Amino acid sequence: MDRSPIQPPEGDDQGAPKGLSFAEKRELTNQISMLPTEKLSRVLEIIRSHVNVADDDEIEIDLDVFPPAALQELLEFCRQSLPPRRTK
């Protein structure tokens, strides 16, 4: 008897990264714009690992249609790359 792993039904998001909240998307947008130039190449690598992007000088991203896994990876990278913000 063949014992192949059970696959979740198509469309089952169990274990899949959740999309970002509006506040997290705003944070991501702000943090990407604050990254030093040498960190932007990693941002491009993350984007290109999730979607096909032309080799243009400028990339425009619609965060509402970008894959949740890519958004989570970008947000984590930005959070690790920038110093924490001090709150008053």
PDB file of N, CA and C in Angstrom:
ATOM      1  N   MET A   1       0.842  -1.182   0.000  1.00  0.00           N
ATOM      2  CA  MET A   1       0.000   0.000   0.000  1.00  0.00           C
ATOM      3  C   MET A   1       0.883   1.240   0.000  1.00  0.00           C
ATOM      4  N   ASP A   2       0.641   2.150  -0.925  1.00  0.00           N
ATOM      5  CA  ASP A   2       1.405   3.391  -1.045  1.00  0.00           C
ATOM      6  C   ASP A   2       0.968   4.375   0.034  1.00  0.00           C
ATOM      7  N   ARG A   3       1.905   4.894   0.810  1.00  0.00           N
ATOM      8  CA  ARG A   3       1.596   5.836   1.898  1.00  0.00           C
ATOM      9  C   ARG A   3       2.128   7.219   1.551  1.00  0.00           C
ATOM     10  N   SER A   4       1.502   7.878   0.618  1.00  0.00           N
ATOM     11  CA  SER A   4       1.911   9.243   0.300  1.00  0.00           C
ATOM     12  C   SER A   4       1.272  10.197   1.294  1.00  0.00           C
ATOM     13  N   PRO A   5       1.929  11.321   1.578  1.00  0.00           N
ATOM     14  CA  PRO A   5       1.384  12.259   2.556  1.00  0.00           C
ATOM     15  C   PRO A   5       0.040  12.814   2.109  1.00  0.00           C
ATOM     16  N   ILE A   6      -0.806  13.068   3.078  1.00  0.00           N
ATOM     17  CA  ILE A   6      -2.126  13.624   2.789  1.00  0.00           C
ATOM     18  C   ILE A   6      -1.979  15.103   2.486  1.00  0.00           C
ATOM     19  N   GLN A   7      -2.510  15.527   1.383  1.00  0.00           N
ATOM     20  CA  GLN A   7      -2.456  16.928   0.977  1.00  0.00           C
ATOM     21  C   GLN A   7      -3.731  17.623   1.404  1.00  0.00           C
ATOM     22  N   PRO A   8      -3.635  18.865   1.929  1.00  0.00           N
ATOM     23  CA  PRO A   8      -4.853  19.593   2.263  1.00  0.00           C
ATOM     24  C   PRO A   8      -5.638  19.892   1.001  1.00  0.00           C
ATOM     25  N   PRO A   9      -6.951  20.024   1.111  1.00  0.00           N
ATOM     26  CA  PRO A   9      -7.744  20.331  -0.069  1.00  0.00           C
ATOM     27  C   PRO A   9      -7.314  21.647  -0.687  1.00  0.00           C
ATOM     28  N   GLU A  10      -7.491  21.752  -2.000  1.00  0.00           N
ATOM     29  CA  GLU A  10      -7.143  22.973  -2.726  1.00  0.00           C
ATOM     30  C   GLU A  10      -7.838  24.168  -2.091  1.00  0.00           C
ATOM     31  N   GLY A  11      -7.082  25.242  -1.866  1.00  0.00           N
ATOM     32  CA  GLY A  11      -7.671  26.437  -1.278  1.00  0.00           C
ATOM     33  C   GLY A  11      -7.628  26.446   0.238  1.00  0.00           C
ATOM     34  N   ASP A  12      -7.127  25.391   0.863  1.00  0.00           N
ATOM     35  CA  ASP A  12      -7.017  25.358   2.317  1.00  0.00           C
ATOM     36  C   ASP A  12      -5.795  26.172   2.727  1.00  0.00           C
ATOM     37  N   ASP A  13      -6.005  27.242   3.485  1.00  0.00           N
ATOM     38  CA  ASP A  13      -4.924  28.150   3.847  1.00  0.00           C
ATOM     39  C   ASP A  13      -4.255  27.773   5.158  1.00  0.00           C
ATOM     40  N   GLN A  14      -4.541  26.616   5.680  1.00  0.00           N
ATOM     41  CA  GLN A  14      -3.974  26.218   6.955  1.00  0.00           C
ATOM     42  C   GLN A  14      -2.453  26.241   6.872  1.00  0.00           C
ATOM     43  N   GLY A  15      -1.817  27.006   7.754  1.00  0.00           N
ATOM     44  CA  GLY A  15      -0.370  27.107   7.765  1.00  0.00           C
ATOM     45  C   GLY A  15       0.186  28.163   6.835  1.00  0.00           C
ATOM     46  N   ALA A  16      -0.640  28.717   5.977  1.00  0.00           N
ATOM     47  CA  ALA A  16      -0.175  29.755   5.060  1.00  0.00           C
ATOM     48  C   ALA A  16      -0.069  31.074   5.813  1.00  0.00           C
ATOM     49  N   PRO A  17       0.912  31.903   5.433  1.00  0.00           N
ATOM     50  CA  PRO A  17       1.041  33.196   6.106  1.00  0.00           C
ATOM     51  C   PRO A  17      -0.205  34.049   5.892  1.00  0.00           C
ATOM     52  N   LYS A  18      -0.567  34.781   6.916  1.00  0.00           N
ATOM     53  CA  LYS A  18      -1.717  35.673   6.812  1.00  0.00           C
ATOM     54  C   LYS A  18      -1.284  36.979   6.170  1.00  0.00           C
ATOM     55  N   GLY A  19      -2.224  37.644   5.529  1.00  0.00           N
ATOM     56  CA  GLY A  19      -1.941  38.938   4.947  1.00  0.00           C
ATOM     57  C   GLY A  19      -1.651  39.964   6.035  1.00  0.00           C
ATOM     58  N   LEU A  20      -1.044  41.060   5.652  1.00  0.00           N
ATOM     59  CA  LEU A  20      -0.720  42.106   6.605  1.00  0.00           C
ATOM     60  C   LEU A  20      -1.928  42.991   6.861  1.00  0.00           C
ATOM     61  N   SER A  21      -1.990  43.529   8.054  1.00  0.00           N
ATOM     62  CA  SER A  21      -3.028  44.507   8.380  1.00  0.00           C
ATOM     63  C   SER A  21      -2.693  45.825   7.686  1.00  0.00           C
ATOM     64  N   PHE A  22      -3.644  46.753   7.687  1.00  0.00           N
ATOM     65  CA  PHE A  22      -3.410  48.061   7.089  1.00  0.00           C
ATOM     66  C   PHE A  22      -2.221  48.742   7.763  1.00  0.00           C
ATOM     67  N   ALA A  23      -2.139  48.665   9.099  1.00  0.00           N
ATOM     68  CA  ALA A  23      -1.043  49.295   9.837  1.00  0.00           C
ATOM     69  C   ALA A  23       0.302  48.658   9.472  1.00  0.00           C
ATOM     70  N   GLU A  24       0.322  47.337   9.305  1.00  0.00           N
ATOM     71  CA  GLU A  24       1.567  46.661   8.932  1.00  0.00           C
ATOM     72  C   GLU A  24       1.994  47.031   7.521  1.00  0.00           C
ATOM     73  N   LYS A  25       1.023  47.170   6.610  1.00  0.00           N
ATOM     74  CA  LYS A  25       1.354  47.594   5.242  1.00  0.00           C
ATOM     75  C   LYS A  25       1.925  49.003   5.244  1.00  0.00           C
ATOM     76  N   ARG A  26       1.362  49.871   6.047  1.00  0.00           N
ATOM     77  CA  ARG A  26       1.870  51.245   6.152  1.00  0.00           C
ATOM     78  C   ARG A  26       3.284  51.215   6.736  1.00  0.00           C
ATOM     79  N   GLU A  27       3.487  50.394   7.777  1.00  0.00           N
ATOM     80  CA  GLU A  27       4.814  50.248   8.375  1.00  0.00           C
ATOM     81  C   GLU A  27       5.819  49.748   7.342  1.00  0.00           C
ATOM     82  N   LEU A  28       5.432  48.741   6.569  1.00  0.00           N
ATOM     83  CA  LEU A  28       6.313  48.179   5.549  1.00  0.00           C
ATOM     84  C   LEU A  28       6.690  49.239   4.517  1.00  0.00           C
ATOM     85  N   THR A  29       5.715  49.986   4.043  1.00  0.00           N
ATOM     86  CA  THR A  29       5.970  51.040   3.065  1.00  0.00           C
ATOM     87  C   THR A  29       6.964  52.058   3.621  1.00  0.00           C
ATOM     88  N   ASN A  30       6.728  52.492   4.850  1.00  0.00           N
ATOM     89  CA  ASN A  30       7.627  53.474   5.472  1.00  0.00           C
ATOM     90  C   ASN A  30       9.024  52.908   5.672  1.00  0.00           C
ATOM     91  N   GLN A  31       9.100  51.666   6.119  1.00  0.00           N
ATOM     92  CA  GLN A  31      10.403  51.075   6.402  1.00  0.00           C
ATOM     93  C   GLN A  31      11.212  50.839   5.133  1.00  0.00           C
ATOM     94  N   ILE A  32      10.564  50.407   4.064  1.00  0.00           N
ATOM     95  CA  ILE A  32      11.293  50.214   2.808  1.00  0.00           C
ATOM     96  C   ILE A  32      11.895  51.539   2.350  1.00  0.00           C
ATOM     97  N   SER A  33      11.139  52.618   2.498  1.00  0.00           N
ATOM     98  CA  SER A  33      11.653  53.920   2.058  1.00  0.00           C
ATOM     99  C   SER A  33      12.795  54.419   2.949  1.00  0.00           C
ATOM    100  N   MET A  34      12.908  53.901   4.169  1.00  0.00           N
ATOM    101  CA  MET A  34      13.962  54.319   5.094  1.00  0.00           C
ATOM    102  C   MET A  34      15.208  53.429   5.019  1.00  0.00           C
ATOM    103  N   LEU A  35      15.137  52.322   4.286  1.00  0.00           N
ATOM    104  CA  LEU A  35      16.283  51.420   4.203  1.00  0.00           C
ATOM    105  C   LEU A  35      17.450  52.089   3.491  1.00  0.00           C
ATOM    106  N   PRO A  36      18.673  51.817   3.953  1.00  0.00           N
ATOM    107  CA  PRO A  36      19.839  52.317   3.230  1.00  0.00           C
ATOM    108  C   PRO A  36      19.948  51.621   1.872  1.00  0.00           C
ATOM    109  N   THR A  37      20.587  52.275   0.947  1.00  0.00           N
ATOM    110  CA  THR A  37      20.693  51.776  -0.429  1.00  0.00           C
ATOM    111  C   THR A  37      21.229  50.353  -0.495  1.00  0.00           C
ATOM    112  N   GLU A  38      22.205  50.015   0.338  1.00  0.00           N
ATOM    113  CA  GLU A  38      22.803  48.678   0.275  1.00  0.00           C
ATOM    114  C   GLU A  38      21.838  47.575   0.698  1.00  0.00           C
ATOM    115  N   LYS A  39      20.767  47.915   1.389  1.00  0.00           N
ATOM    116  CA  LYS A  39      19.770  46.918   1.808  1.00  0.00           C
ATOM    117  C   LYS A  39      18.691  46.705   0.742  1.00  0.00           C
ATOM    118  N   LEU A  40      18.566  47.622  -0.202  1.00  0.00           N
ATOM    119  CA  LEU A  40      17.506  47.524  -1.204  1.00  0.00           C
ATOM    120  C   LEU A  40      17.696  46.342  -2.148  1.00  0.00           C
ATOM    121  N   SER A  41      18.934  45.905  -2.346  1.00  0.00           N
ATOM    122  CA  SER A  41      19.149  44.743  -3.210  1.00  0.00           C
ATOM    123  C   SER A  41      18.498  43.499  -2.607  1.00  0.00           C
ATOM    124  N   ARG A  42      18.519  43.386  -1.288  1.00  0.00           N
ATOM    125  CA  ARG A  42      17.853  42.243  -0.624  1.00  0.00           C
ATOM    126  C   ARG A  42      16.344  42.339  -0.770  1.00  0.00           C
ATOM    127  N   VAL A  43      15.801  43.548  -0.705  1.00  0.00           N
ATOM    128  CA  VAL A  43      14.364  43.750  -0.922  1.00  0.00           C
ATOM    129  C   VAL A  43      13.992  43.247  -2.317  1.00  0.00           C
ATOM    130  N   LEU A  44      14.797  43.585  -3.314  1.00  0.00           N
ATOM    131  CA  LEU A  44      14.538  43.114  -4.676  1.00  0.00           C
ATOM    132  C   LEU A  44      14.625  41.595  -4.777  1.00  0.00           C
ATOM    133  N   GLU A  45      15.580  41.001  -4.090  1.00  0.00           N
ATOM    134  CA  GLU A  45      15.702  39.540  -4.089  1.00  0.00           C
ATOM    135  C   GLU A  45      14.445  38.894  -3.514  1.00  0.00           C
ATOM    136  N   ILE A  46      13.952  39.444  -2.421  1.00  0.00           N
ATOM    137  CA  ILE A  46      12.742  38.896  -1.792  1.00  0.00           C
ATOM    138  C   ILE A  46      11.566  39.018  -2.754  1.00  0.00           C
ATOM    139  N   ILE A  47      11.414  40.176  -3.363  1.00  0.00           N
ATOM    140  CA  ILE A  47      10.307  40.393  -4.304  1.00  0.00           C
ATOM    141  C   ILE A  47      10.413  39.421  -5.471  1.00  0.00           C
ATOM    142  N   ARG A  48      11.599  39.312  -6.052  1.00  0.00           N
ATOM    143  CA  ARG A  48      11.783  38.443  -7.221  1.00  0.00           C
ATOM    144  C   ARG A  48      11.620  36.960  -6.882  1.00  0.00           C
ATOM    145  N   SER A  49      11.816  36.589  -5.622  1.00  0.00           N
ATOM    146  CA  SER A  49      11.635  35.184  -5.253  1.00  0.00           C
ATOM    147  C   SER A  49      10.154  34.800  -5.180  1.00  0.00           C
ATOM    148  N   HIS A  50       9.275  35.806  -5.160  1.00  0.00           N
ATOM    149  CA  HIS A  50       7.841  35.531  -5.045  1.00  0.00           C
ATOM    150  C   HIS A  50       7.042  35.873  -6.306  1.00  0.00           C
ATOM    151  N   VAL A  51       7.513  36.819  -7.090  1.00  0.00           N
ATOM    152  CA  VAL A  51       6.793  37.226  -8.303  1.00  0.00           C
ATOM    153  C   VAL A  51       7.786  37.505  -9.423  1.00  0.00           C
ATOM    154  N   ASN A  52       7.297  37.406 -10.656  1.00  0.00           N
ATOM    155  CA  ASN A  52       8.127  37.746 -11.809  1.00  0.00           C
ATOM    156  C   ASN A  52       8.159  39.258 -11.956  1.00  0.00           C
ATOM    157  N   VAL A  53       9.359  39.795 -12.000  1.00  0.00           N
ATOM    158  CA  VAL A  53       9.539  41.239 -12.105  1.00  0.00           C
ATOM    159  C   VAL A  53      10.532  41.504 -13.224  1.00  0.00           C
ATOM    160  N   ALA A  54      10.208  42.480 -14.076  1.00  0.00           N
ATOM    161  CA  ALA A  54      11.125  42.863 -15.140  1.00  0.00           C
ATOM    162  C   ALA A  54      12.354  43.528 -14.531  1.00  0.00           C
ATOM    163  N   ASP A  55      13.448  43.498 -15.241  1.00  0.00           N
ATOM    164  CA  ASP A  55      14.687  44.117 -14.765  1.00  0.00           C
ATOM    165  C   ASP A  55      14.689  45.607 -15.083  1.00  0.00           C
ATOM    166  N   ASP A  56      13.703  46.314 -14.563  1.00  0.00           N
ATOM    167  CA  ASP A  56      13.617  47.757 -14.757  1.00  0.00           C
ATOM    168  C   ASP A  56      14.333  48.463 -13.617  1.00  0.00           C
ATOM    169  N   ASP A  57      14.506  49.758 -13.788  1.00  0.00           N
ATOM    170  CA  ASP A  57      15.135  50.549 -12.741  1.00  0.00           C
ATOM    171  C   ASP A  57      14.196  50.789 -11.570  1.00  0.00           C
ATOM    172  N   GLU A  58      12.900  50.716 -11.812  1.00  0.00           N
ATOM    173  CA  GLU A  58      11.915  51.025 -10.782  1.00  0.00           C
ATOM    174  C   GLU A  58      10.857  49.937 -10.738  1.00  0.00           C
ATOM    175  N   ILE A  59      10.467  49.552  -9.527  1.00  0.00           N
ATOM    176  CA  ILE A  59       9.425  48.544  -9.339  1.00  0.00           C
ATOM    177  C   ILE A  59       8.325  49.170  -8.503  1.00  0.00           C
ATOM    178  N   GLU A  60       7.107  49.026  -8.982  1.00  0.00           N
ATOM    179  CA  GLU A  60       5.958  49.503  -8.223  1.00  0.00           C
ATOM    180  C   GLU A  60       5.192  48.290  -7.725  1.00  0.00           C
ATOM    181  N   ILE A  61       4.919  48.279  -6.421  1.00  0.00           N
ATOM    182  CA  ILE A  61       4.273  47.121  -5.805  1.00  0.00           C
ATOM    183  C   ILE A  61       2.922  47.522  -5.249  1.00  0.00           C
ATOM    184  N   ASP A  62       1.892  46.771  -5.621  1.00  0.00           N
ATOM    185  CA  ASP A  62       0.568  46.954  -5.025  1.00  0.00           C
ATOM    186  C   ASP A  62       0.480  45.964  -3.868  1.00  0.00           C
ATOM    187  N   LEU A  63       0.621  46.471  -2.647  1.00  0.00           N
ATOM    188  CA  LEU A  63       0.656  45.595  -1.474  1.00  0.00           C
ATOM    189  C   LEU A  63      -0.635  44.811  -1.276  1.00  0.00           C
ATOM    190  N   ASP A  64      -1.721  45.274  -1.868  1.00  0.00           N
ATOM    191  CA  ASP A  64      -3.000  44.574  -1.711  1.00  0.00           C
ATOM    192  C   ASP A  64      -3.079  43.296  -2.537  1.00  0.00           C
ATOM    193  N   VAL A  65      -2.247  43.168  -3.557  1.00  0.00           N
ATOM    194  CA  VAL A  65      -2.272  41.965  -4.382  1.00  0.00           C
ATOM    195  C   VAL A  65      -0.972  41.170  -4.300  1.00  0.00           C
ATOM    196  N   PHE A  66      -0.027  41.629  -3.516  1.00  0.00           N
ATOM    197  CA  PHE A  66       1.244  40.940  -3.351  1.00  0.00           C
ATOM    198  C   PHE A  66       1.041  39.708  -2.471  1.00  0.00           C
ATOM    199  N   PRO A  67       1.728  38.604  -2.736  1.00  0.00           N
ATOM    200  CA  PRO A  67       1.546  37.392  -1.934  1.00  0.00           C
ATOM    201  C   PRO A  67       1.848  37.630  -0.450  1.00  0.00           C
ATOM    202  N   PRO A  68       0.988  37.134   0.447  1.00  0.00           N
ATOM    203  CA  PRO A  68       1.197  37.330   1.886  1.00  0.00           C
ATOM    204  C   PRO A  68       2.569  36.853   2.373  1.00  0.00           C
ATOM    205  N   ALA A  69       3.065  35.750   1.841  1.00  0.00           N
ATOM    206  CA  ALA A  69       4.371  35.246   2.268  1.00  0.00           C
ATOM    207  C   ALA A  69       5.477  36.243   1.951  1.00  0.00           C
ATOM    208  N   ALA A  70       5.386  36.890   0.804  1.00  0.00           N
ATOM    209  CA  ALA A  70       6.384  37.891   0.427  1.00  0.00           C
ATOM    210  C   ALA A  70       6.294  39.106   1.334  1.00  0.00           C
ATOM    211  N   LEU A  71       5.082  39.537   1.639  1.00  0.00           N
ATOM    212  CA  LEU A  71       4.899  40.695   2.518  1.00  0.00           C
ATOM    213  C   LEU A  71       5.462  40.407   3.911  1.00  0.00           C
ATOM    214  N   GLN A  72       5.193  39.226   4.429  1.00  0.00           N
ATOM    215  CA  GLN A  72       5.710  38.845   5.744  1.00  0.00           C
ATOM    216  C   GLN A  72       7.240  38.834   5.740  1.00  0.00           C
ATOM    217  N   GLU A  73       7.825  38.283   4.678  1.00  0.00           N
ATOM    218  CA  GLU A  73       9.287  38.218   4.575  1.00  0.00           C
ATOM    219  C   GLU A  73       9.886  39.622   4.471  1.00  0.00           C
ATOM    220  N   LEU A  74       9.268  40.482   3.681  1.00  0.00           N
ATOM    221  CA  LEU A  74       9.745  41.861   3.559  1.00  0.00           C
ATOM    222  C   LEU A  74       9.653  42.609   4.883  1.00  0.00           C
ATOM    223  N   LEU A  75       8.537  42.458   5.571  1.00  0.00           N
ATOM    224  CA  LEU A  75       8.350  43.147   6.845  1.00  0.00           C
ATOM    225  C   LEU A  75       9.378  42.672   7.869  1.00  0.00           C
ATOM    226  N   GLU A  76       9.608  41.385   7.941  1.00  0.00           N
ATOM    227  CA  GLU A  76      10.594  40.848   8.875  1.00  0.00           C
ATOM    228  C   GLU A  76      11.989  41.365   8.542  1.00  0.00           C
ATOM    229  N   PHE A  77      12.343  41.392   7.269  1.00  0.00           N
ATOM    230  CA  PHE A  77      13.651  41.908   6.864  1.00  0.00           C
ATOM    231  C   PHE A  77      13.810  43.369   7.264  1.00  0.00           C
ATOM    232  N   CYS A  78      12.790  44.182   7.006  1.00  0.00           N
ATOM    233  CA  CYS A  78      12.854  45.603   7.362  1.00  0.00           C
ATOM    234  C   CYS A  78      12.978  45.787   8.863  1.00  0.00           C
ATOM    235  N   ARG A  79      12.225  45.032   9.620  1.00  0.00           N
ATOM    236  CA  ARG A  79      12.279  45.144  11.079  1.00  0.00           C
ATOM    237  C   ARG A  79      13.667  44.777  11.609  1.00  0.00           C
ATOM    238  N   GLN A  80      14.306  43.807  10.983  1.00  0.00           N
ATOM    239  CA  GLN A  80      15.642  43.402  11.413  1.00  0.00           C
ATOM    240  C   GLN A  80      16.709  44.389  10.944  1.00  0.00           C
ATOM    241  N   SER A  81      16.460  45.075   9.847  1.00  0.00           N
ATOM    242  CA  SER A  81      17.463  45.942   9.237  1.00  0.00           C
ATOM    243  C   SER A  81      17.481  47.355   9.795  1.00  0.00           C
ATOM    244  N   LEU A  82      16.377  47.773  10.373  1.00  0.00           N
ATOM    245  CA  LEU A  82      16.294  49.130  10.895  1.00  0.00           C
ATOM    246  C   LEU A  82      16.309  49.117  12.414  1.00  0.00           C
ATOM    247  N   PRO A  83      16.897  50.147  13.026  1.00  0.00           N
ATOM    248  CA  PRO A  83      16.873  50.199  14.494  1.00  0.00           C
ATOM    249  C   PRO A  83      15.448  50.382  14.980  1.00  0.00           C
ATOM    250  N   PRO A  84      15.135  49.848  16.161  1.00  0.00           N
ATOM    251  CA  PRO A  84      13.769  50.019  16.692  1.00  0.00           C
ATOM    252  C   PRO A  84      13.465  51.492  16.925  1.00  0.00           C
ATOM    253  N   ARG A  85      12.206  51.852  16.704  1.00  0.00           N
ATOM    254  CA  ARG A  85      11.770  53.227  16.927  1.00  0.00           C
ATOM    255  C   ARG A  85      11.477  53.411  18.410  1.00  0.00           C
ATOM    256  N   ARG A  86      11.909  54.530  18.908  1.00  0.00           N
ATOM    257  CA  ARG A  86      11.625  54.853  20.315  1.00  0.00           C
ATOM    258  C   ARG A  86      10.264  55.485  20.424  1.00  0.00           C
ATOM    259  N   THR A  87       9.510  55.063  21.417  1.00  0.00           N
ATOM    260  CA  THR A  87       8.205  55.672  21.654  1.00  0.00           C
ATOM    261  C   THR A  87       8.320  56.624  22.833  1.00  0.00           C
ATOM    262  N   LYS A  88       7.543  57.681  22.785  1.00  0.00           N
ATOM    263  CA  LYS A  88       7.590  58.685  23.850  1.00  0.00           C
ATOM    264  C   LYS A  88       6.614  58.361  24.945  1.00  0.00           C
TER     265      LYS A  88
END
